[in-house]
Protein backbone atom coordinates (compact mmCIF):
# COMPACT_ATOMS: atom_id res chain seq x y z
CA UNK A 1 -49.41 110.15 -182.29
CA UNK A 2 -49.74 106.42 -181.67
CA UNK A 3 -48.77 104.18 -184.09
CA UNK A 4 -50.65 101.39 -185.85
CA UNK A 5 -51.23 98.03 -184.54
CA UNK A 6 -49.68 95.81 -186.53
CA UNK A 7 -52.88 93.23 -186.83
CA UNK A 8 -51.39 90.84 -189.03
CA UNK A 9 -48.02 90.16 -187.17
CA UNK A 10 -50.79 89.94 -184.28
CA UNK A 11 -52.52 87.60 -185.98
CA UNK A 12 -49.38 85.34 -186.90
CA UNK A 13 -48.37 85.08 -183.69
CA UNK A 14 -51.48 83.93 -182.24
CA UNK A 15 -51.29 80.70 -184.61
CA UNK A 16 -47.87 79.77 -183.70
CA UNK A 17 -48.93 79.71 -180.06
CA UNK A 18 -52.16 77.66 -180.68
CA UNK A 19 -49.98 75.22 -182.79
CA UNK A 20 -47.46 74.99 -179.95
CA UNK A 21 -50.43 74.29 -177.97
CA UNK A 22 -52.50 71.48 -179.81
CA UNK A 23 -48.31 70.17 -180.36
CA UNK A 24 -47.85 70.07 -176.49
CA UNK A 25 -51.74 68.75 -175.92
CA UNK A 26 -50.53 66.04 -178.73
CA UNK A 27 -47.26 65.06 -177.23
CA UNK A 28 -48.84 64.67 -173.79
CA UNK A 29 -51.49 62.10 -175.09
CA UNK A 30 -49.11 60.00 -176.69
CA UNK A 31 -47.23 59.86 -172.97
CA UNK A 32 -50.48 59.32 -171.22
CA UNK A 33 -50.90 56.68 -173.97
CA UNK A 34 -47.67 55.30 -173.02
CA UNK A 35 -47.91 55.77 -169.76
CA UNK A 36 -50.96 53.53 -168.78
CA UNK A 37 -49.84 50.66 -170.70
CA UNK A 38 -52.06 51.32 -174.10
CA UNK A 39 -49.84 51.44 -176.47
CA UNK A 40 -49.92 47.95 -176.24
CA UNK A 41 -53.30 47.68 -177.48
CA UNK A 42 -53.56 47.80 -182.04
CA UNK A 43 -54.84 50.95 -183.25
CA UNK A 44 -58.52 49.30 -184.11
CA UNK A 45 -58.55 48.57 -180.58
CA UNK A 46 -57.56 51.92 -178.99
CA UNK A 47 -59.83 54.27 -181.36
CA UNK A 48 -62.59 51.53 -180.47
CA UNK A 49 -62.04 51.73 -176.64
CA UNK A 50 -61.85 55.73 -177.56
CA UNK A 51 -65.33 55.91 -179.05
CA UNK A 52 -67.25 54.00 -176.63
CA UNK A 53 -65.67 56.28 -174.04
CA UNK A 54 -67.25 59.12 -175.85
CA UNK A 55 -70.45 57.56 -175.64
CA UNK A 56 -70.34 56.51 -172.58
CA UNK A 57 -73.07 57.02 -169.98
CA UNK A 58 -71.77 60.07 -166.47
CA UNK A 59 -71.32 57.75 -164.08
CA UNK A 60 -68.79 55.45 -165.69
CA UNK A 61 -67.36 58.51 -166.89
CA UNK A 62 -67.24 59.58 -163.01
CA UNK A 63 -65.51 56.22 -162.25
CA UNK A 64 -63.03 56.61 -165.26
CA UNK A 65 -62.06 60.31 -163.89
CA UNK A 66 -61.55 58.24 -159.94
CA UNK A 67 -58.99 55.89 -161.53
CA UNK A 68 -57.82 58.37 -163.30
CA UNK A 69 -57.04 60.25 -160.68
CA UNK A 70 -55.59 57.59 -158.08
CA UNK A 71 -53.34 57.02 -161.54
CA UNK A 72 -51.93 60.61 -161.30
CA UNK A 73 -51.34 60.89 -157.37
CA UNK A 74 -49.15 57.19 -157.71
CA UNK A 75 -51.32 55.29 -156.62
CA UNK A 76 -50.80 54.36 -160.62
CA UNK A 77 -49.41 50.77 -160.17
CA UNK A 78 -52.46 48.91 -159.04
CA UNK A 79 -54.79 50.85 -161.26
CA UNK A 80 -52.58 49.92 -164.13
CA UNK A 81 -52.33 46.14 -163.61
CA UNK A 82 -56.45 46.55 -163.63
CA UNK A 83 -56.27 48.41 -166.85
CA UNK A 84 -53.78 45.79 -167.95
CA UNK A 85 -56.49 42.87 -167.79
CA UNK A 86 -59.19 44.78 -168.84
CA UNK A 87 -57.01 46.24 -171.74
CA UNK A 88 -57.13 42.11 -173.22
CA UNK A 89 -60.79 42.44 -173.95
CA UNK A 90 -61.75 45.73 -173.80
CA UNK A 91 -64.33 45.12 -171.40
CA UNK A 92 -62.95 48.12 -169.22
CA UNK A 93 -65.41 50.64 -172.50
CA UNK A 94 -66.99 47.51 -174.88
CA UNK A 95 -70.44 47.13 -174.43
CA UNK A 96 -70.18 43.61 -175.70
CA UNK A 97 -70.59 40.41 -173.74
CA UNK A 98 -67.36 38.82 -173.59
CA UNK A 99 -65.63 36.24 -170.56
CA UNK A 100 -62.74 37.39 -168.83
CA UNK A 101 -60.18 35.80 -171.97
CA UNK A 102 -61.40 37.79 -174.26
CA UNK A 103 -64.09 35.33 -176.37
CA UNK A 104 -67.00 36.53 -177.28
CA UNK A 105 -69.57 35.10 -174.91
CA UNK A 106 -72.60 32.92 -176.04
CA UNK A 107 -75.52 35.04 -177.15
């Protein structure tokens, strides 16, 4: 005779595993924010930049993907310096016209 499966225990184990994976992902995202220097941005700036990234076109996402790959390969020192300049005005993801100094352009 077969032993009955304990579905409740299996479901609990899967729930625990999902929670652990979510916590790991959140930790990695936090580490990424710090490693890229984005922790210098205010929460509002970072959220706005991420919202712009989500709505960006495929060509911009592909360019960001290439620079991200370079960052993880170790070419990140020069990429990070460039990102720091863009992060000041969030011009890398901001669609509003701004000068390099972060001031709004004359419209």
